[in-house]
Amino acid sequence: MNNIQVDVLASIIWIILMTVPLLYTSIICHLAVCQATEITKIMNETVADSKNNGISQIDLELISLQFIHQKPQFSACGFFSIDMTFAYAVCGAVTTYLVILLQFKYG
């Protein structure tokens, strides 16, 4: 292997090591939002089926409305949301960077 191939391989390994935690974080945030959506569905069923099982009907309705109208969302200090669109954007940026890197190294 010559020096250019080692540089390209080192860059690819570095990119993979830096993007895997970002992708992992976005997948975890997406799964948490999906679970919150499931909780909302369960809460609506509970409100419909409950006959005052120790919890006030009005309280259940208020909590259910709050879950419906306030969708959970993870963000990086409000700059951008962390979800699967963020993962797609990271993958697109990494692919573009690698294509440009390979063009400059071998072009």
PDB file of N, CA and C in Angstrom:
ATOM      1  N   MET A   1       0.851  -1.184   0.000  1.00  0.00           N
ATOM      2  CA  MET A   1       0.000   0.000   0.000  1.00  0.00           C
ATOM      3  C   MET A   1       0.888   1.237   0.000  1.00  0.00           C
ATOM      4  N   ASN A   2       0.530   2.132  -0.873  1.00  0.00           N
ATOM      5  CA  ASN A   2       1.313   3.366  -0.899  1.00  0.00           C
ATOM      6  C   ASN A   2       0.716   4.389   0.076  1.00  0.00           C
ATOM      7  N   ASN A   3       1.347   5.521   0.148  1.00  0.00           N
ATOM      8  CA  ASN A   3       1.003   6.537   1.139  1.00  0.00           C
ATOM      9  C   ASN A   3      -0.397   7.109   0.922  1.00  0.00           C
ATOM     10  N   ILE A   4      -0.825   7.252  -0.340  1.00  0.00           N
ATOM     11  CA  ILE A   4      -2.144   7.809  -0.626  1.00  0.00           C
ATOM     12  C   ILE A   4      -3.235   6.847  -0.147  1.00  0.00           C
ATOM     13  N   GLN A   5      -3.049   5.570  -0.373  1.00  0.00           N
ATOM     14  CA  GLN A   5      -4.042   4.589   0.056  1.00  0.00           C
ATOM     15  C   GLN A   5      -4.151   4.535   1.578  1.00  0.00           C
ATOM     16  N   VAL A   6      -3.023   4.686   2.253  1.00  0.00           N
ATOM     17  CA  VAL A   6      -3.039   4.701   3.715  1.00  0.00           C
ATOM     18  C   VAL A   6      -3.789   5.931   4.220  1.00  0.00           C
ATOM     19  N   ASP A   7      -3.579   7.080   3.573  1.00  0.00           N
ATOM     20  CA  ASP A   7      -4.287   8.296   3.972  1.00  0.00           C
ATOM     21  C   ASP A   7      -5.796   8.157   3.770  1.00  0.00           C
ATOM     22  N   VAL A   8      -6.195   7.591   2.642  1.00  0.00           N
ATOM     23  CA  VAL A   8      -7.615   7.413   2.367  1.00  0.00           C
ATOM     24  C   VAL A   8      -8.222   6.432   3.364  1.00  0.00           C
ATOM     25  N   LEU A   9      -7.543   5.341   3.621  1.00  0.00           N
ATOM     26  CA  LEU A   9      -8.040   4.349   4.575  1.00  0.00           C
ATOM     27  C   LEU A   9      -8.145   4.943   5.981  1.00  0.00           C
ATOM     28  N   ALA A  10      -7.160   5.725   6.384  1.00  0.00           N
ATOM     29  CA  ALA A  10      -7.199   6.380   7.696  1.00  0.00           C
ATOM     30  C   ALA A  10      -8.370   7.363   7.774  1.00  0.00           C
ATOM     31  N   SER A  11      -8.632   8.089   6.690  1.00  0.00           N
ATOM     32  CA  SER A  11      -9.757   9.027   6.674  1.00  0.00           C
ATOM     33  C   SER A  11     -11.086   8.294   6.773  1.00  0.00           C
ATOM     34  N   ILE A  12     -11.208   7.180   6.061  1.00  0.00           N
ATOM     35  CA  ILE A  12     -12.447   6.408   6.098  1.00  0.00           C
ATOM     36  C   ILE A  12     -12.680   5.845   7.499  1.00  0.00           C
ATOM     37  N   ILE A  13     -11.660   5.324   8.123  1.00  0.00           N
ATOM     38  CA  ILE A  13     -11.798   4.784   9.480  1.00  0.00           C
ATOM     39  C   ILE A  13     -12.169   5.892  10.458  1.00  0.00           C
ATOM     40  N   TRP A  14     -11.549   7.043  10.324  1.00  0.00           N
ATOM     41  CA  TRP A  14     -11.857   8.171  11.216  1.00  0.00           C
ATOM     42  C   TRP A  14     -13.307   8.613  11.039  1.00  0.00           C
ATOM     43  N   ILE A  15     -13.766   8.694   9.798  1.00  0.00           N
ATOM     44  CA  ILE A  15     -15.148   9.104   9.534  1.00  0.00           C
ATOM     45  C   ILE A  15     -16.128   8.113  10.142  1.00  0.00           C
ATOM     46  N   ILE A  16     -15.839   6.828   9.984  1.00  0.00           N
ATOM     47  CA  ILE A  16     -16.730   5.814  10.552  1.00  0.00           C
ATOM     48  C   ILE A  16     -16.770   5.919  12.072  1.00  0.00           C
ATOM     49  N   LEU A  17     -15.623   6.104  12.686  1.00  0.00           N
ATOM     50  CA  LEU A  17     -15.578   6.212  14.148  1.00  0.00           C
ATOM     51  C   LEU A  17     -16.307   7.449  14.662  1.00  0.00           C
ATOM     52  N   MET A  18     -16.354   8.508  13.884  1.00  0.00           N
ATOM     53  CA  MET A  18     -17.028   9.731  14.313  1.00  0.00           C
ATOM     54  C   MET A  18     -18.524   9.707  14.022  1.00  0.00           C
ATOM     55  N   THR A  19     -18.957   8.996  12.975  1.00  0.00           N
ATOM     56  CA  THR A  19     -20.373   9.017  12.626  1.00  0.00           C
ATOM     57  C   THR A  19     -21.203   7.947  13.335  1.00  0.00           C
ATOM     58  N   VAL A  20     -20.583   6.867  13.748  1.00  0.00           N
ATOM     59  CA  VAL A  20     -21.346   5.801  14.419  1.00  0.00           C
ATOM     60  C   VAL A  20     -22.033   6.307  15.690  1.00  0.00           C
ATOM     61  N   PRO A  21     -21.374   7.074  16.564  1.00  0.00           N
ATOM     62  CA  PRO A  21     -22.107   7.590  17.744  1.00  0.00           C
ATOM     63  C   PRO A  21     -23.256   8.534  17.372  1.00  0.00           C
ATOM     64  N   LEU A  22     -23.080   9.329  16.312  1.00  0.00           N
ATOM     65  CA  LEU A  22     -24.164  10.215  15.884  1.00  0.00           C
ATOM     66  C   LEU A  22     -25.361   9.417  15.389  1.00  0.00           C
ATOM     67  N   LEU A  23     -25.085   8.394  14.608  1.00  0.00           N
ATOM     68  CA  LEU A  23     -26.165   7.554  14.103  1.00  0.00           C
ATOM     69  C   LEU A  23     -26.843   6.793  15.243  1.00  0.00           C
ATOM     70  N   TYR A  24     -26.055   6.309  16.176  1.00  0.00           N
ATOM     71  CA  TYR A  24     -26.603   5.598  17.332  1.00  0.00           C
ATOM     72  C   TYR A  24     -27.515   6.518  18.145  1.00  0.00           C
ATOM     73  N   THR A  25     -27.082   7.747  18.354  1.00  0.00           N
ATOM     74  CA  THR A  25     -27.880   8.718  19.112  1.00  0.00           C
ATOM     75  C   THR A  25     -29.192   9.020  18.397  1.00  0.00           C
ATOM     76  N   SER A  26     -29.140   9.201  17.079  1.00  0.00           N
ATOM     77  CA  SER A  26     -30.364   9.515  16.354  1.00  0.00           C
ATOM     78  C   SER A  26     -31.329   8.324  16.356  1.00  0.00           C
ATOM     79  N   ILE A  27     -30.821   7.106  16.310  1.00  0.00           N
ATOM     80  CA  ILE A  27     -31.687   5.927  16.361  1.00  0.00           C
ATOM     81  C   ILE A  27     -32.352   5.819  17.734  1.00  0.00           C
ATOM     82  N   ILE A  28     -31.589   6.056  18.795  1.00  0.00           N
ATOM     83  CA  ILE A  28     -32.150   6.008  20.152  1.00  0.00           C
ATOM     84  C   ILE A  28     -33.239   7.075  20.322  1.00  0.00           C
ATOM     85  N   CYS A  29     -32.995   8.279  19.825  1.00  0.00           N
ATOM     86  CA  CYS A  29     -33.999   9.349  19.928  1.00  0.00           C
ATOM     87  C   CYS A  29     -35.251   8.990  19.134  1.00  0.00           C
ATOM     88  N   HIS A  30     -35.074   8.407  17.959  1.00  0.00           N
ATOM     89  CA  HIS A  30     -36.219   7.994  17.148  1.00  0.00           C
ATOM     90  C   HIS A  30     -37.038   6.931  17.879  1.00  0.00           C
ATOM     91  N   LEU A  31     -36.375   5.963  18.488  1.00  0.00           N
ATOM     92  CA  LEU A  31     -37.085   4.913  19.225  1.00  0.00           C
ATOM     93  C   LEU A  31     -37.833   5.484  20.430  1.00  0.00           C
ATOM     94  N   ALA A  32     -37.239   6.477  21.091  1.00  0.00           N
ATOM     95  CA  ALA A  32     -37.913   7.106  22.234  1.00  0.00           C
ATOM     96  C   ALA A  32     -39.173   7.842  21.791  1.00  0.00           C
ATOM     97  N   VAL A  33     -39.121   8.513  20.652  1.00  0.00           N
ATOM     98  CA  VAL A  33     -40.299   9.206  20.127  1.00  0.00           C
ATOM     99  C   VAL A  33     -41.374   8.192  19.738  1.00  0.00           C
ATOM    100  N   CYS A  34     -40.964   7.067  19.159  1.00  0.00           N
ATOM    101  CA  CYS A  34     -41.925   6.008  18.809  1.00  0.00           C
ATOM    102  C   CYS A  34     -42.594   5.447  20.063  1.00  0.00           C
ATOM    103  N   GLN A  35     -41.830   5.261  21.132  1.00  0.00           N
ATOM    104  CA  GLN A  35     -42.408   4.768  22.380  1.00  0.00           C
ATOM    105  C   GLN A  35     -43.383   5.791  22.972  1.00  0.00           C
ATOM    106  N   ALA A  36     -43.059   7.068  22.858  1.00  0.00           N
ATOM    107  CA  ALA A  36     -43.972   8.100  23.356  1.00  0.00           C
ATOM    108  C   ALA A  36     -45.270   8.094  22.563  1.00  0.00           C
ATOM    109  N   THR A  37     -45.191   7.824  21.269  1.00  0.00           N
ATOM    110  CA  THR A  37     -46.397   7.719  20.450  1.00  0.00           C
ATOM    111  C   THR A  37     -47.246   6.531  20.888  1.00  0.00           C
ATOM    112  N   GLU A  38     -46.592   5.421  21.200  1.00  0.00           N
ATOM    113  CA  GLU A  38     -47.315   4.246  21.698  1.00  0.00           C
ATOM    114  C   GLU A  38     -47.983   4.546  23.042  1.00  0.00           C
ATOM    115  N   ILE A  39     -47.295   5.267  23.899  1.00  0.00           N
ATOM    116  CA  ILE A  39     -47.867   5.639  25.199  1.00  0.00           C
ATOM    117  C   ILE A  39     -49.109   6.508  24.997  1.00  0.00           C
ATOM    118  N   THR A  40     -49.062   7.401  24.001  1.00  0.00           N
ATOM    119  CA  THR A  40     -50.211   8.241  23.707  1.00  0.00           C
ATOM    120  C   THR A  40     -51.409   7.386  23.299  1.00  0.00           C
ATOM    121  N   LYS A  41     -51.172   6.385  22.456  1.00  0.00           N
ATOM    122  CA  LYS A  41     -52.266   5.497  22.038  1.00  0.00           C
ATOM    123  C   LYS A  41     -52.832   4.726  23.237  1.00  0.00           C
ATOM    124  N   ILE A  42     -51.946   4.219  24.076  1.00  0.00           N
ATOM    125  CA  ILE A  42     -52.395   3.477  25.258  1.00  0.00           C
ATOM    126  C   ILE A  42     -53.164   4.393  26.207  1.00  0.00           C
ATOM    127  N   MET A  43     -52.678   5.623  26.340  1.00  0.00           N
ATOM    128  CA  MET A  43     -53.354   6.585  27.217  1.00  0.00           C
ATOM    129  C   MET A  43     -54.756   6.895  26.695  1.00  0.00           C
ATOM    130  N   ASN A  44     -54.911   7.039  25.383  1.00  0.00           N
ATOM    131  CA  ASN A  44     -56.239   7.299  24.818  1.00  0.00           C
ATOM    132  C   ASN A  44     -57.173   6.125  25.052  1.00  0.00           C
ATOM    133  N   GLU A  45     -56.668   4.898  24.931  1.00  0.00           N
ATOM    134  CA  GLU A  45     -57.489   3.721  25.217  1.00  0.00           C
ATOM    135  C   GLU A  45     -57.874   3.663  26.692  1.00  0.00           C
ATOM    136  N   THR A  46     -56.937   4.049  27.548  1.00  0.00           N
ATOM    137  CA  THR A  46     -57.211   4.050  28.983  1.00  0.00           C
ATOM    138  C   THR A  46     -58.279   5.072  29.336  1.00  0.00           C
ATOM    139  N   VAL A  47     -58.200   6.236  28.702  1.00  0.00           N
ATOM    140  CA  VAL A  47     -59.205   7.266  28.959  1.00  0.00           C
ATOM    141  C   VAL A  47     -60.566   6.776  28.496  1.00  0.00           C
ATOM    142  N   ALA A  48     -60.611   6.109  27.352  1.00  0.00           N
ATOM    143  CA  ALA A  48     -61.891   5.630  26.824  1.00  0.00           C
ATOM    144  C   ALA A  48     -62.455   4.487  27.665  1.00  0.00           C
ATOM    145  N   ASP A  49     -61.584   3.632  28.207  1.00  0.00           N
ATOM    146  CA  ASP A  49     -62.030   2.444  28.924  1.00  0.00           C
ATOM    147  C   ASP A  49     -62.157   2.633  30.436  1.00  0.00           C
ATOM    148  N   SER A  50     -61.605   3.693  30.958  1.00  0.00           N
ATOM    149  CA  SER A  50     -61.542   3.806  32.420  1.00  0.00           C
ATOM    150  C   SER A  50     -62.901   4.156  33.007  1.00  0.00           C
ATOM    151  N   LYS A  51     -63.169   3.533  34.106  1.00  0.00           N
ATOM    152  CA  LYS A  51     -64.387   3.823  34.874  1.00  0.00           C
ATOM    153  C   LYS A  51     -63.971   4.230  36.284  1.00  0.00           C
ATOM    154  N   ASN A  52     -63.085   5.228  36.352  1.00  0.00           N
ATOM    155  CA  ASN A  52     -62.634   5.778  37.622  1.00  0.00           C
ATOM    156  C   ASN A  52     -61.903   4.716  38.453  1.00  0.00           C
ATOM    157  N   ASN A  53     -60.796   4.218  37.912  1.00  0.00           N
ATOM    158  CA  ASN A  53     -59.979   3.198  38.589  1.00  0.00           C
ATOM    159  C   ASN A  53     -58.978   3.835  39.551  1.00  0.00           C
ATOM    160  N   GLY A  54     -59.409   4.771  40.322  1.00  0.00           N
ATOM    161  CA  GLY A  54     -58.517   5.422  41.263  1.00  0.00           C
ATOM    162  C   GLY A  54     -57.906   6.698  40.708  1.00  0.00           C
ATOM    163  N   ILE A  55     -58.060   6.915  39.419  1.00  0.00           N
ATOM    164  CA  ILE A  55     -57.542   8.128  38.793  1.00  0.00           C
ATOM    165  C   ILE A  55     -58.742   8.902  38.251  1.00  0.00           C
ATOM    166  N   SER A  56     -58.729  10.173  38.454  1.00  0.00           N
ATOM    167  CA  SER A  56     -59.825  11.011  38.003  1.00  0.00           C
ATOM    168  C   SER A  56     -59.912  11.006  36.474  1.00  0.00           C
ATOM    169  N   GLN A  57     -61.114  10.934  35.952  1.00  0.00           N
ATOM    170  CA  GLN A  57     -61.333  10.942  34.504  1.00  0.00           C
ATOM    171  C   GLN A  57     -60.819  12.245  33.889  1.00  0.00           C
ATOM    172  N   ILE A  58     -60.991  13.336  34.585  1.00  0.00           N
ATOM    173  CA  ILE A  58     -60.536  14.635  34.069  1.00  0.00           C
ATOM    174  C   ILE A  58     -59.016  14.666  33.989  1.00  0.00           C
ATOM    175  N   ASP A  59     -58.339  14.117  34.997  1.00  0.00           N
ATOM    176  CA  ASP A  59     -56.875  14.073  34.968  1.00  0.00           C
ATOM    177  C   ASP A  59     -56.368  13.237  33.797  1.00  0.00           C
ATOM    178  N   LEU A  60     -57.008  12.090  33.568  1.00  0.00           N
ATOM    179  CA  LEU A  60     -56.614  11.251  32.434  1.00  0.00           C
ATOM    180  C   LEU A  60     -56.816  11.968  31.111  1.00  0.00           C
ATOM    181  N   GLU A  61     -57.910  12.678  30.986  1.00  0.00           N
ATOM    182  CA  GLU A  61     -58.173  13.420  29.752  1.00  0.00           C
ATOM    183  C   GLU A  61     -57.150  14.529  29.548  1.00  0.00           C
ATOM    184  N   LEU A  62     -56.787  15.219  30.621  1.00  0.00           N
ATOM    185  CA  LEU A  62     -55.800  16.300  30.510  1.00  0.00           C
ATOM    186  C   LEU A  62     -54.422  15.762  30.120  1.00  0.00           C
ATOM    187  N   ILE A  63     -54.027  14.661  30.746  1.00  0.00           N
ATOM    188  CA  ILE A  63     -52.731  14.060  30.395  1.00  0.00           C
ATOM    189  C   ILE A  63     -52.748  13.567  28.957  1.00  0.00           C
ATOM    190  N   SER A  64     -53.862  12.970  28.546  1.00  0.00           N
ATOM    191  CA  SER A  64     -53.981  12.484  27.171  1.00  0.00           C
ATOM    192  C   SER A  64     -53.885  13.637  26.177  1.00  0.00           C
ATOM    193  N   LEU A  65     -54.557  14.733  26.472  1.00  0.00           N
ATOM    194  CA  LEU A  65     -54.480  15.899  25.582  1.00  0.00           C
ATOM    195  C   LEU A  65     -53.065  16.472  25.523  1.00  0.00           C
ATOM    196  N   GLN A  66     -52.382  16.464  26.645  1.00  0.00           N
ATOM    197  CA  GLN A  66     -51.013  16.961  26.653  1.00  0.00           C
ATOM    198  C   GLN A  66     -50.115  16.082  25.791  1.00  0.00           C
ATOM    199  N   PHE A  67     -50.275  14.770  25.876  1.00  0.00           N
ATOM    200  CA  PHE A  67     -49.487  13.867  25.040  1.00  0.00           C
ATOM    201  C   PHE A  67     -49.790  14.068  23.559  1.00  0.00           C
ATOM    202  N   ILE A  68     -51.053  14.326  23.241  1.00  0.00           N
ATOM    203  CA  ILE A  68     -51.426  14.487  21.835  1.00  0.00           C
ATOM    204  C   ILE A  68     -50.854  15.779  21.266  1.00  0.00           C
ATOM    205  N   HIS A  69     -50.930  16.860  22.015  1.00  0.00           N
ATOM    206  CA  HIS A  69     -50.557  18.168  21.472  1.00  0.00           C
ATOM    207  C   HIS A  69     -49.093  18.540  21.659  1.00  0.00           C
ATOM    208  N   GLN A  70     -48.393  17.874  22.536  1.00  0.00           N
ATOM    209  CA  GLN A  70     -46.971  18.165  22.734  1.00  0.00           C
ATOM    210  C   GLN A  70     -46.152  16.942  22.346  1.00  0.00           C
ATOM    211  N   LYS A  71     -45.817  16.873  21.076  1.00  0.00           N
ATOM    212  CA  LYS A  71     -45.034  15.747  20.581  1.00  0.00           C
ATOM    213  C   LYS A  71     -43.614  15.844  21.127  1.00  0.00           C
ATOM    214  N   PRO A  72     -43.071  14.740  21.607  1.00  0.00           N
ATOM    215  CA  PRO A  72     -41.685  14.785  22.093  1.00  0.00           C
ATOM    216  C   PRO A  72     -40.715  14.948  20.920  1.00  0.00           C
ATOM    217  N   GLN A  73     -39.690  15.730  21.152  1.00  0.00           N
ATOM    218  CA  GLN A  73     -38.693  15.954  20.112  1.00  0.00           C
ATOM    219  C   GLN A  73     -37.355  16.226  20.799  1.00  0.00           C
ATOM    220  N   PHE A  74     -36.334  15.578  20.316  1.00  0.00           N
ATOM    221  CA  PHE A  74     -34.993  15.795  20.839  1.00  0.00           C
ATOM    222  C   PHE A  74     -34.269  16.754  19.913  1.00  0.00           C
ATOM    223  N   SER A  75     -33.546  17.684  20.509  1.00  0.00           N
ATOM    224  CA  SER A  75     -32.799  18.638  19.685  1.00  0.00           C
ATOM    225  C   SER A  75     -31.448  18.910  20.325  1.00  0.00           C
ATOM    226  N   ALA A  76     -30.566  19.452  19.527  1.00  0.00           N
ATOM    227  CA  ALA A  76     -29.241  19.849  19.995  1.00  0.00           C
ATOM    228  C   ALA A  76     -29.290  21.327  20.336  1.00  0.00           C
ATOM    229  N   CYS A  77     -29.671  21.622  21.558  1.00  0.00           N
ATOM    230  CA  CYS A  77     -29.806  23.003  22.059  1.00  0.00           C
ATOM    231  C   CYS A  77     -30.736  23.849  21.197  1.00  0.00           C
ATOM    232  N   GLY A  78     -31.715  23.206  20.556  1.00  0.00           N
ATOM    233  CA  GLY A  78     -32.674  23.924  19.729  1.00  0.00           C
ATOM    234  C   GLY A  78     -32.181  24.247  18.328  1.00  0.00           C
ATOM    235  N   PHE A  79     -30.961  23.867  17.968  1.00  0.00           N
ATOM    236  CA  PHE A  79     -30.433  24.178  16.643  1.00  0.00           C
ATOM    237  C   PHE A  79     -31.022  23.269  15.569  1.00  0.00           C
ATOM    238  N   PHE A  80     -31.107  21.992  15.834  1.00  0.00           N
ATOM    239  CA  PHE A  80     -31.689  21.046  14.887  1.00  0.00           C
ATOM    240  C   PHE A  80     -32.222  19.858  15.665  1.00  0.00           C
ATOM    241  N   SER A  81     -33.206  19.208  15.079  1.00  0.00           N
ATOM    242  CA  SER A  81     -33.805  18.064  15.763  1.00  0.00           C
ATOM    243  C   SER A  81     -32.987  16.810  15.487  1.00  0.00           C
ATOM    244  N   ILE A  82     -32.941  15.954  16.488  1.00  0.00           N
ATOM    245  CA  ILE A  82     -32.196  14.701  16.370  1.00  0.00           C
ATOM    246  C   ILE A  82     -33.217  13.592  16.163  1.00  0.00           C
ATOM    247  N   ASP A  83     -33.321  13.153  14.920  1.00  0.00           N
ATOM    248  CA  ASP A  83     -34.214  12.058  14.569  1.00  0.00           C
ATOM    249  C   ASP A  83     -33.625  11.363  13.351  1.00  0.00           C
ATOM    250  N   MET A  84     -34.428  10.577  12.666  1.00  0.00           N
ATOM    251  CA  MET A  84     -33.888   9.828  11.537  1.00  0.00           C
ATOM    252  C   MET A  84     -33.518  10.733  10.355  1.00  0.00           C
ATOM    253  N   THR A  85     -34.146  11.906  10.246  1.00  0.00           N
ATOM    254  CA  THR A  85     -33.726  12.821   9.181  1.00  0.00           C
ATOM    255  C   THR A  85     -32.302  13.311   9.435  1.00  0.00           C
ATOM    256  N   PHE A  86     -31.946  13.468  10.706  1.00  0.00           N
ATOM    257  CA  PHE A  86     -30.570  13.832  11.043  1.00  0.00           C
ATOM    258  C   PHE A  86     -29.615  12.715  10.641  1.00  0.00           C
ATOM    259  N   ALA A  87     -30.018  11.459  10.866  1.00  0.00           N
ATOM    260  CA  ALA A  87     -29.176  10.323  10.472  1.00  0.00           C
ATOM    261  C   ALA A  87     -28.989  10.291   8.962  1.00  0.00           C
ATOM    262  N   TYR A  88     -30.064  10.553   8.207  1.00  0.00           N
ATOM    263  CA  TYR A  88     -29.942  10.584   6.750  1.00  0.00           C
ATOM    264  C   TYR A  88     -29.033  11.719   6.297  1.00  0.00           C
ATOM    265  N   ALA A  89     -29.129  12.862   6.949  1.00  0.00           N
ATOM    266  CA  ALA A  89     -28.277  13.999   6.591  1.00  0.00           C
ATOM    267  C   ALA A  89     -26.812  13.691   6.875  1.00  0.00           C
ATOM    268  N   VAL A  90     -26.539  13.032   7.998  1.00  0.00           N
ATOM    269  CA  VAL A  90     -25.161  12.653   8.332  1.00  0.00           C
ATOM    270  C   VAL A  90     -24.617  11.671   7.300  1.00  0.00           C
ATOM    271  N   CYS A  91     -25.418  10.674   6.948  1.00  0.00           N
ATOM    272  CA  CYS A  91     -24.976   9.700   5.941  1.00  0.00           C
ATOM    273  C   CYS A  91     -24.717  10.369   4.595  1.00  0.00           C
ATOM    274  N   GLY A  92     -25.572  11.296   4.211  1.00  0.00           N
ATOM    275  CA  GLY A  92     -25.373  12.021   2.957  1.00  0.00           C
ATOM    276  C   GLY A  92     -24.116  12.871   2.979  1.00  0.00           C
ATOM    277  N   ALA A  93     -23.871  13.547   4.094  1.00  0.00           N
ATOM    278  CA  ALA A  93     -22.677  14.377   4.203  1.00  0.00           C
ATOM    279  C   ALA A  93     -21.411  13.519   4.185  1.00  0.00           C
ATOM    280  N   VAL A  94     -21.438  12.385   4.864  1.00  0.00           N
ATOM    281  CA  VAL A  94     -20.272  11.495   4.886  1.00  0.00           C
ATOM    282  C   VAL A  94     -20.000  10.939   3.497  1.00  0.00           C
ATOM    283  N   THR A  95     -21.037  10.527   2.806  1.00  0.00           N
ATOM    284  CA  THR A  95     -20.866  10.002   1.444  1.00  0.00           C
ATOM    285  C   THR A  95     -20.300  11.065   0.514  1.00  0.00           C
ATOM    286  N   THR A  96     -20.824  12.265   0.594  1.00  0.00           N
ATOM    287  CA  THR A  96     -20.314  13.354  -0.239  1.00  0.00           C
ATOM    288  C   THR A  96     -18.851  13.641   0.071  1.00  0.00           C
ATOM    289  N   TYR A  97     -18.517  13.678   1.358  1.00  0.00           N
ATOM    290  CA  TYR A  97     -17.134  13.924   1.751  1.00  0.00           C
ATOM    291  C   TYR A  97     -16.208  12.837   1.217  1.00  0.00           C
ATOM    292  N   LEU A  98     -16.632  11.581   1.307  1.00  0.00           N
ATOM    293  CA  LEU A  98     -15.788  10.485   0.819  1.00  0.00           C
ATOM    294  C   LEU A  98     -15.601  10.542  -0.691  1.00  0.00           C
ATOM    295  N   VAL A  99     -16.656  10.881  -1.418  1.00  0.00           N
ATOM    296  CA  VAL A  99     -16.532  10.993  -2.871  1.00  0.00           C
ATOM    297  C   VAL A  99     -15.556  12.107  -3.235  1.00  0.00           C
ATOM    298  N   ILE A 100     -15.668  13.243  -2.584  1.00  0.00           N
ATOM    299  CA  ILE A 100     -14.752  14.358  -2.854  1.00  0.00           C
ATOM    300  C   ILE A 100     -13.334  13.990  -2.464  1.00  0.00           C
ATOM    301  N   LEU A 101     -13.168  13.321  -1.333  1.00  0.00           N
ATOM    302  CA  LEU A 101     -11.857  12.907  -0.882  1.00  0.00           C
ATOM    303  C   LEU A 101     -11.207  11.963  -1.903  1.00  0.00           C
ATOM    304  N   LEU A 102     -11.970  11.004  -2.367  1.00  0.00           N
ATOM    305  CA  LEU A 102     -11.419  10.052  -3.345  1.00  0.00           C
ATOM    306  C   LEU A 102     -11.104  10.738  -4.675  1.00  0.00           C
ATOM    307  N   GLN A 103     -11.896  11.706  -5.073  1.00  0.00           N
ATOM    308  CA  GLN A 103     -11.628  12.419  -6.322  1.00  0.00           C
ATOM    309  C   GLN A 103     -10.346  13.225  -6.231  1.00  0.00           C
ATOM    310  N   PHE A 104     -10.100  13.857  -5.098  1.00  0.00           N
ATOM    311  CA  PHE A 104      -8.878  14.635  -4.955  1.00  0.00           C
ATOM    312  C   PHE A 104      -7.647  13.751  -4.802  1.00  0.00           C
ATOM    313  N   LYS A 105      -7.807  12.609  -4.132  1.00  0.00           N
ATOM    314  CA  LYS A 105      -6.652  11.732  -3.915  1.00  0.00           C
ATOM    315  C   LYS A 105      -6.262  11.000  -5.194  1.00  0.00           C
ATOM    316  N   TYR A 106      -7.243  10.585  -5.991  1.00  0.00           N
ATOM    317  CA  TYR A 106      -6.948   9.774  -7.170  1.00  0.00           C
ATOM    318  C   TYR A 106      -7.116  10.551  -8.470  1.00  0.00           C
ATOM    319  N   GLY A 107      -7.562  11.796  -8.402  1.00  0.00           N
ATOM    320  CA  GLY A 107      -7.846  12.559  -9.616  1.00  0.00           C
ATOM    321  C   GLY A 107      -6.685  13.349 -10.135  1.00  0.00           C
TER     322      GLY A 107
END
